[in-house]
Structure formats: C-alpha cells, structure tokens
Amino acid sequence: MSATLFENKIQELNFSFISEKGDSGVLLTQNYENLPQVISAPDILFALETAKNKFGADAVYFRYFQDGRATVPQLYIFDYTLRQISLKEKNRIHRNMWNGYQVPAYIIIEKQIKDN
C-alpha cells in the first residue's frame, strides 16, 4: 500500500511511524482501534481516541521513555493536504489546543502550492 501525501509529509519532517513497542514516533488516529497488539497499550489507545474525537487530530507523535514510564503524547498533527484550511479553522484548532492541555504542541500540514 502506498503512503498518502499526509504520511509522506510526516516523513519529510523526519518523524517515523511507530512499528513496535519501545519506539518514539507517530501513529495515525484513523482506525486506532485496529492497531497491532504489540503497540496498542491502553494509554496509547486512549491518547489516540482523545486526539481524534476531542481535537480532530489526524496523527499523534508519542515519546517513549526507556526508564519504564508510560509513552507520552507530545504532538498532535492535523492533515490539511487534501483540503484548504481557513483562518477561522486555524484559530479553532489553536484555541482548542491552548485550552485542552493534552499535548504541548501541534502541527498543521498543508499541501504546498507552488507558483510557476
């Protein structure tokens, strides 16, 4: 299966996708219920559900700690590669993130438009 534009943009930002437990990286919120069992810990599933349903995020970057602490969501990633984002929508995302106290940062990925 080929990667979407959104997934390619995430990789261009030098984020990797989590493939096994014990890795820091990105997980998509779409179909989070169907994650492989090796990475579907309750804390990860809860964080993905919150990101998707409460904030509308399309992916989450998780930080893994080698000292036994739980994996922590650090960044919400919003996909606007296939549609335009309005200033009103950007303001809504910012306000929700500021008031939500779930993660310290977010990124909105937009499709780059090149002028010739």
N, C-alpha and C. Protein backbone atom coordinates (compact mmCIF):
# COMPACT_ATOMS: atom_id res chain seq x y z
N MET A 1 0.85 -1.17 0.00
CA MET A 1 0.00 0.00 0.00
C MET A 1 0.90 1.24 0.00
N SER A 2 0.59 2.19 -0.86
CA SER A 2 1.42 3.38 -0.94
C SER A 2 1.01 4.40 0.12
N ALA A 3 1.97 5.21 0.49
CA ALA A 3 1.74 6.22 1.52
C ALA A 3 0.94 7.38 0.95
N THR A 4 0.14 7.99 1.79
CA THR A 4 -0.63 9.17 1.39
C THR A 4 0.29 10.39 1.39
N LEU A 5 -0.19 11.48 0.81
CA LEU A 5 0.56 12.74 0.84
C LEU A 5 0.83 13.15 2.28
N PHE A 6 -0.16 13.00 3.14
CA PHE A 6 -0.01 13.32 4.56
C PHE A 6 1.11 12.49 5.20
N GLU A 7 1.11 11.20 4.97
CA GLU A 7 2.15 10.33 5.53
C GLU A 7 3.52 10.68 4.98
N ASN A 8 3.60 11.03 3.70
CA ASN A 8 4.88 11.46 3.11
C ASN A 8 5.38 12.75 3.75
N LYS A 9 4.46 13.69 3.99
CA LYS A 9 4.84 14.96 4.63
C LYS A 9 5.35 14.73 6.04
N ILE A 10 4.74 13.81 6.77
CA ILE A 10 5.21 13.47 8.12
C ILE A 10 6.65 12.95 8.05
N GLN A 11 6.92 12.08 7.10
CA GLN A 11 8.27 11.53 6.96
C GLN A 11 9.27 12.59 6.50
N GLU A 12 8.83 13.56 5.69
CA GLU A 12 9.69 14.67 5.28
C GLU A 12 10.11 15.51 6.49
N LEU A 13 9.28 15.53 7.51
CA LEU A 13 9.61 16.26 8.75
C LEU A 13 10.51 15.43 9.67
N ASN A 14 10.96 14.28 9.18
CA ASN A 14 11.85 13.36 9.90
C ASN A 14 11.19 12.70 11.11
N PHE A 15 9.88 12.53 11.04
CA PHE A 15 9.17 11.73 12.03
C PHE A 15 9.03 10.33 11.46
N SER A 16 9.22 9.35 12.30
CA SER A 16 9.00 7.98 11.86
C SER A 16 7.68 7.48 12.44
N PHE A 17 7.13 6.47 11.81
CA PHE A 17 5.92 5.86 12.31
C PHE A 17 6.31 4.74 13.28
N ILE A 18 5.57 4.60 14.36
CA ILE A 18 5.85 3.56 15.35
C ILE A 18 5.52 2.21 14.72
N SER A 19 6.48 1.30 14.79
CA SER A 19 6.25 -0.02 14.23
C SER A 19 6.25 -1.11 15.31
N GLU A 20 6.82 -0.79 16.46
CA GLU A 20 6.81 -1.75 17.56
C GLU A 20 6.93 -1.02 18.89
N LYS A 21 6.55 -1.68 19.95
CA LYS A 21 6.60 -1.08 21.28
C LYS A 21 8.05 -0.71 21.61
N GLY A 22 8.22 0.44 22.23
CA GLY A 22 9.55 0.88 22.60
C GLY A 22 10.14 1.88 21.64
N ASP A 23 9.36 2.32 20.65
CA ASP A 23 9.82 3.33 19.70
C ASP A 23 9.06 4.63 19.94
N SER A 24 9.77 5.75 19.82
CA SER A 24 9.09 7.03 19.73
C SER A 24 8.68 7.20 18.28
N GLY A 25 7.59 7.90 18.04
CA GLY A 25 7.17 8.12 16.67
C GLY A 25 5.70 8.46 16.57
N VAL A 26 5.20 8.41 15.35
CA VAL A 26 3.85 8.85 15.01
C VAL A 26 2.93 7.66 14.81
N LEU A 27 1.70 7.83 15.28
CA LEU A 27 0.61 6.90 14.98
C LEU A 27 -0.56 7.71 14.44
N LEU A 28 -1.23 7.18 13.42
CA LEU A 28 -2.42 7.82 12.87
C LEU A 28 -3.61 7.55 13.76
N THR A 29 -4.51 8.52 13.85
CA THR A 29 -5.71 8.34 14.67
C THR A 29 -6.78 7.54 13.93
N GLN A 30 -6.71 7.51 12.61
CA GLN A 30 -7.68 6.75 11.83
C GLN A 30 -7.52 5.26 12.14
N ASN A 31 -8.61 4.61 12.45
CA ASN A 31 -8.61 3.17 12.74
C ASN A 31 -7.70 2.80 13.91
N TYR A 32 -7.61 3.67 14.91
CA TYR A 32 -6.74 3.39 16.05
C TYR A 32 -7.15 2.12 16.79
N GLU A 33 -8.42 1.73 16.65
CA GLU A 33 -8.90 0.53 17.32
C GLU A 33 -8.25 -0.74 16.75
N ASN A 34 -7.70 -0.65 15.56
CA ASN A 34 -7.15 -1.81 14.87
C ASN A 34 -5.63 -1.84 14.86
N LEU A 35 -5.00 -1.16 15.80
CA LEU A 35 -3.53 -1.18 15.87
C LEU A 35 -3.05 -2.59 16.20
N PRO A 36 -1.86 -2.93 15.72
CA PRO A 36 -1.30 -4.23 16.12
C PRO A 36 -1.18 -4.31 17.64
N GLN A 37 -1.42 -5.47 18.18
CA GLN A 37 -1.43 -5.63 19.64
C GLN A 37 -0.11 -5.22 20.28
N VAL A 38 0.98 -5.35 19.54
CA VAL A 38 2.30 -5.04 20.10
C VAL A 38 2.44 -3.56 20.48
N ILE A 39 1.64 -2.67 19.86
CA ILE A 39 1.73 -1.24 20.20
C ILE A 39 0.42 -0.67 20.72
N SER A 40 -0.57 -1.48 20.96
CA SER A 40 -1.88 -0.95 21.36
C SER A 40 -2.09 -1.01 22.87
N ALA A 41 -1.18 -0.40 23.60
CA ALA A 41 -1.33 -0.29 25.06
C ALA A 41 -2.51 0.63 25.37
N PRO A 42 -3.16 0.45 26.50
CA PRO A 42 -4.32 1.29 26.84
C PRO A 42 -4.01 2.78 26.83
N ASP A 43 -2.83 3.20 27.29
CA ASP A 43 -2.51 4.62 27.31
C ASP A 43 -2.39 5.18 25.89
N ILE A 44 -1.88 4.39 24.97
CA ILE A 44 -1.76 4.83 23.57
C ILE A 44 -3.13 4.92 22.93
N LEU A 45 -3.97 3.91 23.15
CA LEU A 45 -5.31 3.92 22.58
C LEU A 45 -6.13 5.09 23.11
N PHE A 46 -6.04 5.36 24.41
CA PHE A 46 -6.76 6.48 25.00
C PHE A 46 -6.28 7.81 24.41
N ALA A 47 -4.97 7.96 24.24
CA ALA A 47 -4.42 9.20 23.68
C ALA A 47 -4.87 9.39 22.23
N LEU A 48 -4.89 8.32 21.45
CA LEU A 48 -5.33 8.41 20.06
C LEU A 48 -6.83 8.74 19.97
N GLU A 49 -7.62 8.11 20.83
CA GLU A 49 -9.06 8.38 20.84
C GLU A 49 -9.32 9.84 21.23
N THR A 50 -8.62 10.34 22.22
CA THR A 50 -8.78 11.74 22.63
C THR A 50 -8.38 12.68 21.52
N ALA A 51 -7.25 12.41 20.88
CA ALA A 51 -6.76 13.27 19.79
C ALA A 51 -7.77 13.33 18.65
N LYS A 52 -8.32 12.18 18.30
CA LYS A 52 -9.26 12.12 17.18
C LYS A 52 -10.61 12.72 17.53
N ASN A 53 -11.20 12.27 18.62
CA ASN A 53 -12.58 12.64 18.93
C ASN A 53 -12.73 14.00 19.60
N LYS A 54 -11.78 14.40 20.41
CA LYS A 54 -11.89 15.67 21.12
C LYS A 54 -11.27 16.83 20.34
N PHE A 55 -10.17 16.56 19.63
CA PHE A 55 -9.43 17.65 18.98
C PHE A 55 -9.45 17.57 17.46
N GLY A 56 -9.82 16.43 16.89
CA GLY A 56 -9.85 16.30 15.43
C GLY A 56 -8.48 16.10 14.81
N ALA A 57 -7.50 15.68 15.61
CA ALA A 57 -6.15 15.45 15.09
C ALA A 57 -6.12 14.18 14.25
N ASP A 58 -5.23 14.17 13.27
CA ASP A 58 -5.13 13.04 12.36
C ASP A 58 -3.97 12.10 12.72
N ALA A 59 -3.06 12.58 13.55
CA ALA A 59 -1.93 11.76 13.98
C ALA A 59 -1.39 12.32 15.29
N VAL A 60 -0.65 11.47 16.00
CA VAL A 60 -0.06 11.86 17.28
C VAL A 60 1.38 11.37 17.30
N TYR A 61 2.28 12.26 17.73
CA TYR A 61 3.67 11.84 17.98
C TYR A 61 3.78 11.46 19.45
N PHE A 62 4.30 10.26 19.69
CA PHE A 62 4.49 9.75 21.04
C PHE A 62 5.97 9.69 21.37
N ARG A 63 6.29 10.04 22.61
CA ARG A 63 7.66 9.90 23.11
C ARG A 63 7.72 8.67 24.01
N TYR A 64 8.68 7.83 23.74
CA TYR A 64 8.88 6.62 24.52
C TYR A 64 10.05 6.85 25.47
N PHE A 65 9.90 6.42 26.71
CA PHE A 65 10.95 6.54 27.71
C PHE A 65 11.50 5.15 28.02
N GLN A 66 12.80 5.00 28.08
CA GLN A 66 13.41 3.70 28.33
C GLN A 66 13.48 3.36 29.82
N ASP A 67 13.05 4.28 30.67
CA ASP A 67 13.13 4.03 32.11
C ASP A 67 11.84 3.48 32.69
N GLY A 68 10.92 3.04 31.84
CA GLY A 68 9.71 2.40 32.32
C GLY A 68 8.49 3.30 32.41
N ARG A 69 8.65 4.60 32.21
CA ARG A 69 7.49 5.49 32.23
C ARG A 69 6.58 5.18 31.04
N ALA A 70 5.33 5.56 31.14
CA ALA A 70 4.38 5.35 30.05
C ALA A 70 4.75 6.21 28.85
N THR A 71 4.39 5.74 27.68
CA THR A 71 4.56 6.52 26.45
C THR A 71 3.67 7.75 26.54
N VAL A 72 4.21 8.92 26.16
CA VAL A 72 3.50 10.19 26.33
C VAL A 72 3.25 10.86 24.99
N PRO A 73 2.00 11.27 24.73
CA PRO A 73 1.73 12.04 23.51
C PRO A 73 2.35 13.42 23.63
N GLN A 74 3.09 13.84 22.60
CA GLN A 74 3.81 15.11 22.64
C GLN A 74 3.33 16.12 21.61
N LEU A 75 2.71 15.63 20.52
CA LEU A 75 2.41 16.50 19.39
C LEU A 75 1.19 15.97 18.65
N TYR A 76 0.24 16.85 18.36
CA TYR A 76 -0.88 16.49 17.50
C TYR A 76 -0.57 17.01 16.11
N ILE A 77 -0.91 16.21 15.11
CA ILE A 77 -0.65 16.57 13.72
C ILE A 77 -2.00 16.58 12.99
N PHE A 78 -2.28 17.68 12.31
CA PHE A 78 -3.53 17.86 11.59
C PHE A 78 -3.28 17.80 10.08
N ASP A 79 -4.10 17.05 9.37
CA ASP A 79 -3.94 16.83 7.94
C ASP A 79 -4.84 17.77 7.14
N TYR A 80 -4.22 18.72 6.47
CA TYR A 80 -4.92 19.60 5.54
C TYR A 80 -4.24 19.53 4.18
N THR A 81 -3.82 18.33 3.79
CA THR A 81 -3.16 18.15 2.49
C THR A 81 -4.17 18.02 1.36
N LEU A 82 -5.39 17.63 1.67
CA LEU A 82 -6.40 17.42 0.62
C LEU A 82 -7.50 18.48 0.63
N ARG A 83 -7.43 19.41 1.57
CA ARG A 83 -8.43 20.47 1.64
C ARG A 83 -7.77 21.74 2.19
N GLN A 84 -8.38 22.86 1.87
CA GLN A 84 -7.87 24.14 2.35
C GLN A 84 -8.28 24.34 3.80
N ILE A 85 -7.44 25.04 4.53
CA ILE A 85 -7.77 25.40 5.91
C ILE A 85 -7.98 26.90 5.97
N SER A 86 -9.07 27.28 6.58
CA SER A 86 -9.39 28.70 6.71
C SER A 86 -8.72 29.27 7.97
N LEU A 87 -8.64 30.56 8.02
CA LEU A 87 -8.11 31.23 9.20
C LEU A 87 -8.99 30.92 10.42
N LYS A 88 -10.29 30.84 10.20
CA LYS A 88 -11.22 30.50 11.28
C LYS A 88 -10.91 29.10 11.83
N GLU A 89 -10.64 28.16 10.95
CA GLU A 89 -10.32 26.79 11.36
C GLU A 89 -8.97 26.76 12.11
N LYS A 90 -7.98 27.49 11.61
CA LYS A 90 -6.69 27.57 12.31
C LYS A 90 -6.87 28.13 13.72
N ASN A 91 -7.69 29.15 13.82
CA ASN A 91 -7.96 29.75 15.14
C ASN A 91 -8.67 28.77 16.06
N ARG A 92 -9.61 28.00 15.52
CA ARG A 92 -10.33 27.00 16.32
C ARG A 92 -9.37 25.94 16.84
N ILE A 93 -8.49 25.44 15.98
CA ILE A 93 -7.50 24.44 16.39
C ILE A 93 -6.61 25.01 17.48
N HIS A 94 -6.12 26.23 17.27
CA HIS A 94 -5.23 26.85 18.26
C HIS A 94 -5.94 27.03 19.60
N ARG A 95 -7.15 27.51 19.57
CA ARG A 95 -7.91 27.72 20.81
C ARG A 95 -8.15 26.39 21.53
N ASN A 96 -8.55 25.36 20.78
CA ASN A 96 -8.78 24.05 21.39
C ASN A 96 -7.50 23.46 21.98
N MET A 97 -6.41 23.62 21.28
CA MET A 97 -5.14 23.09 21.79
C MET A 97 -4.70 23.87 23.02
N TRP A 98 -4.83 25.17 22.99
CA TRP A 98 -4.43 26.01 24.11
C TRP A 98 -5.24 25.67 25.36
N ASN A 99 -6.54 25.47 25.19
CA ASN A 99 -7.42 25.20 26.32
C ASN A 99 -7.47 23.72 26.71
N GLY A 100 -6.99 22.84 25.85
CA GLY A 100 -7.14 21.42 26.07
C GLY A 100 -6.11 20.78 26.98
N TYR A 101 -4.92 21.33 27.04
CA TYR A 101 -3.86 20.84 27.93
C TYR A 101 -3.52 19.36 27.73
N GLN A 102 -3.65 18.84 26.51
CA GLN A 102 -3.36 17.44 26.26
C GLN A 102 -1.91 17.23 25.82
N VAL A 103 -1.46 18.07 24.90
CA VAL A 103 -0.08 17.99 24.40
C VAL A 103 0.49 19.40 24.33
N PRO A 104 1.82 19.51 24.37
CA PRO A 104 2.42 20.85 24.38
C PRO A 104 2.49 21.53 23.01
N ALA A 105 2.27 20.79 21.91
CA ALA A 105 2.44 21.41 20.59
C ALA A 105 1.56 20.72 19.55
N TYR A 106 1.40 21.40 18.42
CA TYR A 106 0.67 20.82 17.29
C TYR A 106 1.26 21.34 16.00
N ILE A 107 1.00 20.60 14.91
CA ILE A 107 1.44 20.98 13.58
C ILE A 107 0.24 20.82 12.65
N ILE A 108 0.07 21.78 11.76
CA ILE A 108 -0.92 21.66 10.69
C ILE A 108 -0.14 21.45 9.41
N ILE A 109 -0.36 20.33 8.75
CA ILE A 109 0.33 20.04 7.49
C ILE A 109 -0.61 20.37 6.35
N GLU A 110 -0.15 21.29 5.50
CA GLU A 110 -0.95 21.71 4.35
C GLU A 110 -0.25 21.28 3.07
N LYS A 111 -1.03 21.15 2.01
CA LYS A 111 -0.44 20.86 0.71
C LYS A 111 0.29 22.12 0.24
N GLN A 112 1.51 21.93 -0.18
CA GLN A 112 2.30 23.07 -0.64
C GLN A 112 1.88 23.42 -2.05
N ILE A 113 1.59 24.69 -2.28
CA ILE A 113 1.21 25.16 -3.60
C ILE A 113 2.39 25.93 -4.18
N LYS A 114 2.82 25.50 -5.33
CA LYS A 114 3.99 26.14 -5.97
C LYS A 114 3.51 27.04 -7.09
N ASP A 115 4.02 28.25 -7.13
CA ASP A 115 3.75 29.17 -8.22
C ASP A 115 4.86 29.02 -9.25
N ASN A 116 4.47 28.96 -10.51
CA ASN A 116 5.47 28.85 -11.58
C ASN A 116 5.68 30.17 -12.25
